[in-house]
């Protein structure tokens, strides 16, 4: 529903521009000269060109952000993997420490929840 309202609003603006800006103008683009173009064509063309350029700039920015986020996700995964490995190593060292405290090789503590 809101899309329909926006389309009608934009259409109304275009109709207003078309009715009030019918004066013919000459458009010079480098060496190309286009004569007798209604002014509202120039206005709408400029608007569309600006919107397309803004969209392209936004698209390039979004691509760079996606690459940046991917790099950060990779670093996070690497950090989590390192945490798991260090946790395993700590647990192994705790078991070895307990074995050395008891000074007994035959009574090694068996941890069923060991990583």
Protein backbone atom coordinates (compact mmCIF):
# COMPACT_ATOMS: atom_id res chain seq x y z
CA UNK A 1 0.00 0.00 0.00
CA UNK A 2 2.79 2.41 0.91
CA UNK A 3 4.54 1.55 -2.37
CA UNK A 4 1.44 2.53 -4.30
CA UNK A 5 1.23 5.82 -2.41
CA UNK A 6 4.91 6.56 -3.13
CA UNK A 7 4.44 5.74 -6.84
CA UNK A 8 1.46 8.08 -7.03
CA UNK A 9 3.36 10.82 -5.19
CA UNK A 10 6.39 10.55 -7.51
CA UNK A 11 4.08 10.44 -10.54
CA UNK A 12 2.34 13.59 -9.32
CA UNK A 13 5.68 15.35 -8.95
CA UNK A 14 6.65 14.33 -12.50
CA UNK A 15 3.32 15.62 -13.85
CA UNK A 16 3.81 18.92 -12.02
CA UNK A 17 7.33 19.24 -13.46
CA UNK A 18 6.08 18.40 -16.96
CA UNK A 19 3.30 20.99 -16.85
CA UNK A 20 5.38 23.83 -15.50
CA UNK A 21 8.69 23.25 -17.30
CA UNK A 22 7.89 22.91 -20.99
CA UNK A 23 10.37 25.55 -22.16
CA UNK A 24 12.69 24.16 -24.85
CA UNK A 25 16.37 24.20 -23.94
CA UNK A 26 19.62 23.33 -25.66
CA UNK A 27 21.76 20.68 -24.03
CA UNK A 28 25.49 20.66 -24.71
CA UNK A 29 27.43 17.54 -23.75
CA UNK A 30 31.04 18.02 -24.77
CA UNK A 31 30.89 18.28 -28.58
CA UNK A 32 27.33 16.94 -28.83
CA UNK A 33 24.53 19.52 -28.97
CA UNK A 34 20.89 18.52 -28.50
CA UNK A 35 18.36 21.26 -29.19
CA UNK A 36 14.71 21.83 -28.29
CA UNK A 37 14.50 19.43 -25.35
CA UNK A 38 11.78 20.24 -22.82
CA UNK A 39 13.28 21.39 -19.53
CA UNK A 40 11.49 18.71 -17.49
CA UNK A 41 13.38 16.01 -19.46
CA UNK A 42 16.64 17.60 -18.35
CA UNK A 43 15.41 17.81 -14.75
CA UNK A 44 14.21 14.19 -14.64
CA UNK A 45 17.33 12.97 -16.46
CA UNK A 46 19.54 14.75 -13.94
CA UNK A 47 17.55 13.27 -11.07
CA UNK A 48 17.81 9.73 -12.47
CA UNK A 49 21.52 10.13 -13.18
CA UNK A 50 22.12 11.27 -9.60
CA UNK A 51 20.08 8.38 -8.20
CA UNK A 52 21.98 5.84 -10.31
CA UNK A 53 25.35 7.28 -9.27
CA UNK A 54 24.32 7.26 -5.61
CA UNK A 55 23.20 3.63 -5.92
CA UNK A 56 26.51 2.62 -7.55
CA UNK A 57 28.51 4.35 -4.80
CA UNK A 58 26.37 2.62 -2.17
CA UNK A 59 26.87 -0.74 -3.92
CA UNK A 60 30.67 -0.35 -3.97
CA UNK A 61 30.62 0.64 -0.29
CA UNK A 62 28.45 -2.40 0.56
CA UNK A 63 30.91 -4.71 -1.22
CA UNK A 64 33.84 -3.30 0.76
CA UNK A 65 31.89 -3.67 4.01
CA UNK A 66 31.05 -7.29 3.14
CA UNK A 67 34.74 -8.07 2.55
CA UNK A 68 35.66 -6.36 5.80
CA UNK A 69 33.02 -8.30 7.75
CA UNK A 70 34.19 -11.56 6.18
CA UNK A 71 37.73 -10.85 7.39
CA UNK A 72 36.50 -10.10 10.88
CA UNK A 73 34.39 -13.29 10.95
CA UNK A 74 37.47 -15.28 9.96
CA UNK A 75 39.47 -13.70 12.80
CA UNK A 76 36.68 -14.49 15.27
CA UNK A 77 36.57 -18.14 14.18
CA UNK A 78 40.34 -18.36 14.47
CA UNK A 79 40.19 -16.86 17.97
CA UNK A 80 37.49 -19.30 19.07
CA UNK A 81 39.53 -22.21 17.73
CA UNK A 82 42.56 -20.97 19.65
CA UNK A 83 40.48 -20.70 22.83
CA UNK A 84 39.33 -24.31 22.46
CA UNK A 85 42.90 -25.50 21.90
CA UNK A 86 44.17 -23.57 24.92
CA UNK A 87 41.34 -24.94 27.06
CA UNK A 88 42.33 -28.48 26.07
CA UNK A 89 45.97 -27.73 26.87
CA UNK A 90 45.04 -26.29 30.30
CA UNK A 91 43.04 -29.40 31.08
CA UNK A 92 45.95 -31.64 30.08
CA UNK A 93 48.32 -29.61 32.27
CA UNK A 94 45.91 -29.81 35.21
CA UNK A 95 45.82 -33.59 34.85
CA UNK A 96 49.62 -33.73 34.66
CA UNK A 97 49.89 -31.45 37.70
CA UNK A 98 47.54 -33.71 39.67
CA UNK A 99 49.59 -36.76 38.65
CA UNK A 100 52.82 -35.07 39.80
CA UNK A 101 51.26 -34.05 43.12
CA UNK A 102 50.25 -37.62 43.85
CA UNK A 103 53.64 -38.84 42.57
CA UNK A 104 51.97 -41.98 41.41
CA UNK A 105 51.86 -43.16 37.81
CA UNK A 106 49.30 -45.90 38.43
CA UNK A 107 46.66 -43.71 40.05
CA UNK A 108 46.19 -41.30 37.16
CA UNK A 109 42.95 -39.38 37.49
CA UNK A 110 40.56 -40.30 34.74
CA UNK A 111 38.27 -37.47 33.75
CA UNK A 112 35.23 -38.65 31.81
CA UNK A 113 34.44 -35.07 30.80
CA UNK A 114 37.91 -34.43 29.38
CA UNK A 115 38.21 -32.59 26.12
